[in-house]
Protein backbone atom coordinates (compact mmCIF):
# COMPACT_ATOMS: atom_id res chain seq x y z
CA MET A 1 96.07 73.02 50.41
CA GLY A 2 94.37 76.30 49.62
CA ASP A 3 93.54 78.03 46.41
CA ILE A 4 96.22 80.29 44.88
CA GLU A 5 93.94 83.31 45.37
CA ASP A 6 93.73 82.53 49.11
CA PHE A 7 97.52 82.63 49.33
CA ARG A 8 97.65 85.87 47.37
CA VAL A 9 95.15 87.47 49.76
CA LYS A 10 97.30 86.29 52.68
CA ILE A 11 100.47 87.66 51.03
CA ASP A 12 98.75 91.00 50.39
CA GLU A 13 97.85 91.29 54.07
CA LEU A 14 101.37 90.28 55.13
CA ASP A 15 102.79 92.92 52.77
CA ARG A 16 100.61 95.58 54.41
CA GLN A 17 101.87 94.48 57.82
CA LEU A 18 105.48 94.60 56.60
CA VAL A 19 104.98 98.13 55.26
CA ARG A 20 103.61 99.26 58.62
CA LEU A 21 106.52 97.67 60.48
CA ILE A 22 109.16 99.03 58.10
CA SER A 23 107.62 102.49 58.42
CA GLU A 24 107.69 102.18 62.20
CA ARG A 25 111.35 101.11 62.00
CA ALA A 26 112.08 104.10 59.74
CA ARG A 27 110.53 106.52 62.24
CA ALA A 28 112.73 105.02 64.97
CA ALA A 29 115.78 105.36 62.70
CA GLN A 30 114.91 109.02 62.11
CA GLU A 31 114.79 109.62 65.86
CA ILE A 32 118.14 107.87 66.26
CA GLY A 33 119.50 110.12 63.51
CA LYS A 34 118.41 113.17 65.49
CA LEU A 35 120.07 111.82 68.63
CA LYS A 36 123.25 111.04 66.69
CA ARG A 37 123.34 114.62 65.46
CA VAL A 38 123.11 116.15 68.94
CA THR A 39 125.65 113.68 70.33
CA SER A 40 127.96 113.82 67.27
CA LEU A 41 127.79 110.05 66.78
CA PRO A 42 128.49 108.66 63.30
CA VAL A 43 125.59 107.39 61.19
CA TYR A 44 127.52 104.25 60.23
CA GLU A 45 128.10 101.96 63.20
CA PRO A 46 129.42 98.59 61.99
CA ASN A 47 129.31 97.00 65.45
CA ARG A 48 125.61 97.81 65.78
CA GLU A 49 124.95 96.38 62.33
CA ARG A 50 126.73 93.15 63.29
CA VAL A 51 124.43 92.86 66.32
CA ILE A 52 121.37 93.36 64.10
CA TYR A 53 122.51 90.63 61.68
CA GLU A 54 123.18 88.29 64.60
CA ASN A 55 119.70 88.99 65.99
CA VAL A 56 118.18 88.29 62.57
CA ARG A 57 120.01 84.96 62.27
CA ASP A 58 119.02 83.99 65.83
CA ALA A 59 115.34 84.80 65.17
CA ASN A 60 115.22 83.03 61.80
CA GLU A 61 113.03 79.93 61.85
CA GLY A 62 113.06 79.44 58.07
CA PRO A 63 112.21 78.76 55.37
CA LEU A 64 114.66 81.44 54.19
CA PRO A 65 118.32 80.60 54.74
CA ASP A 66 120.11 82.94 57.14
CA ILE A 67 122.23 84.46 54.36
CA GLU A 68 119.15 85.44 52.32
CA LEU A 69 117.46 87.03 55.34
CA VAL A 70 120.66 88.91 56.14
CA HIS A 71 120.76 90.18 52.53
CA ILE A 72 117.25 91.58 53.00
CA TYR A 73 118.33 93.26 56.23
CA GLU A 74 121.45 94.68 54.61
CA ARG A 75 119.18 96.54 52.22
CA ILE A 76 116.82 97.66 55.00
CA ILE A 77 119.75 98.96 57.04
CA ASP A 78 121.22 100.71 53.99
CA VAL A 79 117.93 102.54 53.45
CA MET A 80 117.64 103.40 57.16
CA ARG A 81 121.22 104.72 57.19
CA SER A 82 120.39 106.89 54.19
CA LEU A 83 117.32 108.15 56.04
CA GLN A 84 119.50 109.08 59.02
CA LYS A 85 121.98 110.86 56.74
CA ASN A 86 119.11 112.77 55.16
CA GLU A 87 117.86 113.66 58.65
CA LEU A 88 121.27 115.00 59.51
CA ALA A 89 121.56 116.84 56.19
CA SER A 90 118.10 118.38 56.51
CA GLN A 91 118.89 119.51 60.04
CA LYS A 92 122.14 121.10 58.86
CA THR A 93 120.19 122.86 56.13
CA ALA A 94 117.61 124.04 58.66
CA ASP A 95 120.40 125.33 60.90
CA ALA A 96 122.14 127.15 58.01
CA PRO A 97 121.40 130.78 57.28
CA THR A 98 118.61 131.22 54.74
CA ASN A 99 119.10 132.79 51.34
CA LYS A 100 116.42 135.42 50.90
CA GLY A 101 114.89 135.66 47.49
CA GLN A 102 115.45 131.98 46.77
CA ALA A 103 112.32 130.15 45.63
CA ALA A 104 110.82 127.56 47.91
CA PRO A 105 110.79 123.99 46.58
CA ASP A 106 107.71 123.26 44.53
CA SER A 107 105.55 120.15 44.81
CA ALA A 108 107.56 118.46 42.04
CA ASP A 109 110.72 118.90 44.13
CA ARG A 110 108.98 117.44 47.16
CA SER A 111 107.58 114.49 45.20
CA ARG A 112 111.09 113.61 43.94
CA LYS A 113 112.32 113.52 47.53
CA THR A 114 109.43 111.44 48.85
CA GLY A 115 108.64 109.41 45.76
CA LYS A 116 105.00 110.53 46.02
CA GLU A 117 103.13 113.06 44.00
CA LYS A 118 100.72 115.45 45.68
């Protein structure tokens, strides 16, 4: 059995890998959102979500119970769906006529949207 610090180092590396994978998944979800917009498909597709949950349960080798892993994926999918909705909303905004004389969003506005300050 290893030292607690060894496990924490391992968890930190796994967290970095998870962030990279979730970001990659988010980019794919954004692209799907763009495709849904041009094909007029709905953002919410319950049948697709059922397939995802089934895939998650099939791939699960433990130690998390299926239901707990599905709960994690429910949250991931909820965030990805929101990202797709935002993609659709931002595209609609980009397609809308512009209001001249209206101030551009400042960096504080952008940081609220991204959660990051510049």
